Protein backbone atom coordinates (compact mmCIF):
# COMPACT_ATOMS: atom_id res chain seq x y z
CA UNK A 1 -76.56 -3.80 -106.16
CA UNK A 2 -74.33 -6.25 -104.55
CA UNK A 3 -72.05 -3.65 -102.96
CA UNK A 4 -75.02 -1.73 -101.55
CA UNK A 5 -76.47 -4.88 -100.06
CA UNK A 6 -73.08 -5.79 -98.60
CA UNK A 7 -72.83 -2.28 -97.11
CA UNK A 8 -76.33 -2.62 -95.61
CA UNK A 9 -75.34 -5.87 -93.91
CA UNK A 10 -72.23 -4.22 -92.45
CA UNK A 11 -74.26 -1.32 -91.04
CA UNK A 12 -76.81 -3.76 -89.59
CA UNK A 13 -73.99 -5.72 -87.92
CA UNK A 14 -72.47 -2.49 -86.58
CA UNK A 15 -75.85 -1.42 -85.13
CA UNK A 16 -76.21 -4.81 -83.44
CA UNK A 17 -72.70 -4.51 -81.99
CA UNK A 18 -73.48 -1.00 -80.75
CA UNK A 19 -76.77 -2.14 -79.24
CA UNK A 20 -75.05 -5.12 -77.68
CA UNK A 21 -72.37 -2.89 -76.16
CA UNK A 22 -74.99 -0.46 -74.90
CA UNK A 23 -76.93 -3.34 -73.37
CA UNK A 24 -73.82 -4.73 -71.68
CA UNK A 25 -72.90 -1.34 -70.22
CA UNK A 26 -76.49 -0.80 -69.04
CA UNK A 27 -76.61 -4.25 -67.46
CA UNK A 28 -73.31 -3.72 -65.65
CA UNK A 29 -74.52 -0.32 -64.44
CA UNK A 30 -77.81 -1.79 -63.22
CA UNK A 31 -76.03 -4.64 -61.41
CA UNK A 32 -73.66 -2.15 -59.80
CA UNK A 33 -76.56 -0.06 -58.52
CA UNK A 34 -78.31 -3.18 -57.15
CA UNK A 35 -75.12 -4.32 -55.44
CA UNK A 36 -74.59 -0.90 -53.88
CA UNK A 37 -78.17 -0.71 -52.62
CA UNK A 38 -78.09 -4.21 -51.15
CA UNK A 39 -74.72 -3.51 -49.48
CA UNK A 40 -76.03 -0.28 -48.04
CA UNK A 41 -79.13 -2.04 -46.76
CA UNK A 42 -77.03 -4.76 -45.14
CA UNK A 43 -74.78 -2.19 -43.49
CA UNK A 44 -77.78 -0.31 -42.12
CA UNK A 45 -79.23 -3.54 -40.74
CA UNK A 46 -75.94 -4.36 -39.01
CA UNK A 47 -75.85 -0.87 -37.51
CA UNK A 48 -79.30 -1.41 -36.02
CA UNK A 49 -78.21 -4.75 -34.56
CA UNK A 50 -75.08 -3.15 -33.11
CA UNK A 51 -77.15 -0.38 -31.52
CA UNK A 52 -79.49 -2.98 -29.94
CA UNK A 53 -76.52 -4.94 -28.58
CA UNK A 54 -74.98 -1.81 -27.13
CA UNK A 55 -78.20 -0.82 -25.37
CA UNK A 56 -78.55 -4.35 -23.98
CA UNK A 57 -74.96 -4.19 -22.73
CA UNK A 58 -75.56 -0.84 -21.04
CA UNK A 59 -78.67 -2.19 -19.29
CA UNK A 60 -76.77 -5.27 -18.09
CA UNK A 61 -73.89 -3.09 -16.81
CA UNK A 62 -76.31 -0.83 -14.93
CA UNK A 63 -77.99 -3.88 -13.38
CA UNK A 64 -74.60 -5.30 -12.38
CA UNK A 65 -73.52 -1.99 -10.83
CA UNK A 66 -76.73 -1.86 -8.79
CA UNK A 67 -76.14 -5.42 -7.56
CA UNK A 68 -72.52 -4.62 -6.60
CA UNK A 69 -73.64 -1.49 -4.72
CA UNK A 70 -76.30 -3.46 -2.84
CA UNK A 71 -73.82 -6.19 -1.90
CA UNK A 72 -71.22 -3.63 -0.84
CA UNK A 73 -73.73 -1.90 1.42
CA UNK A 74 -74.87 -5.22 2.91
CA UNK A 75 -71.27 -6.28 3.62
CA UNK A 76 -70.21 -3.03 5.27
CA UNK A 77 -68.91 -3.67 8.83
CA UNK A 78 -71.35 -1.24 10.45
CA UNK A 79 -74.27 -2.90 8.67
CA UNK A 80 -73.06 -6.35 9.77
CA UNK A 81 -72.86 -5.14 13.39
CA UNK A 82 -76.44 -3.80 13.24
CA UNK A 83 -77.71 -7.08 11.74
CA UNK A 84 -75.88 -8.96 14.50
CA UNK A 85 -77.87 -6.96 17.05
CA UNK A 86 -81.12 -7.87 15.25
CA UNK A 87 -80.16 -11.55 15.53
CA UNK A 88 -79.65 -11.11 19.30
CA UNK A 89 -75.90 -11.49 19.00
CA UNK A 90 -73.45 -9.38 20.98
CA UNK A 91 -73.22 -5.93 19.43
CA UNK A 92 -69.56 -4.89 19.14
CA UNK A 93 -68.48 -1.77 21.02
CA UNK A 94 -66.58 -0.49 18.02
CA UNK A 95 -66.24 -1.39 14.37
CA UNK A 96 -62.96 -0.86 12.51
CA UNK A 97 -62.73 -0.98 8.75
CA UNK A 98 -59.61 -2.84 7.66
CA UNK A 99 -58.02 -1.35 4.54
CA UNK A 100 -58.15 -3.56 1.49
CA UNK A 101 -55.05 -4.99 -0.08
CA UNK A 102 -54.57 -6.21 -3.64
CA UNK A 103 -54.79 -9.97 -4.01
CA UNK A 104 -51.39 -10.32 -5.67
CA UNK A 105 -49.53 -8.38 -2.92
CA UNK A 106 -47.18 -10.47 -0.80
CA UNK A 107 -48.10 -10.33 2.88
CA UNK A 108 -45.37 -9.95 5.50
CA UNK A 109 -44.52 -12.85 7.78
CA UNK A 110 -46.55 -13.10 10.95
CA UNK A 111 -44.77 -11.93 14.09
CA UNK A 112 -45.30 -13.93 17.20
CA UNK A 113 -45.44 -11.94 20.40
CA UNK A 114 -44.52 -13.66 23.65
CA UNK A 115 -42.27 -16.42 24.84
CA UNK A 116 -42.95 -18.79 21.95
CA UNK A 117 -40.24 -21.00 20.57
CA UNK A 118 -42.05 -21.74 17.35
CA UNK A 119 -40.23 -20.90 14.10
CA UNK A 120 -41.79 -20.44 10.71
CA UNK A 121 -41.51 -23.22 8.16
CA UNK A 122 -41.73 -20.66 5.35
CA UNK A 123 -38.63 -18.72 4.40
CA UNK A 124 -38.76 -15.54 2.36
């Protein structure tokens, strides 16, 4: 009877080991699924936030473009001349648009016309 009892204890231990291994594998699998679901949820939440930020940026850019257009129209030389007339200033006979130049472009030296004996203090 002793060997049968010893054999029964071994099989009981083996079952517990098998159950323990099955439990560990199941627990790891469940934790993996939970981690994947929480990561996916976090990524979806970040996508929603990114979409909201992009739409806010587009609205701000559109508002800025409208402000620039309004300022550009108000600063046009013809518009300034008309506004001068409304303020009872002398209306110019003609308005000439001066072409724009980049800020970093070097301007040529001024040329003096007439009998001036003044020389430039800047040498280029």
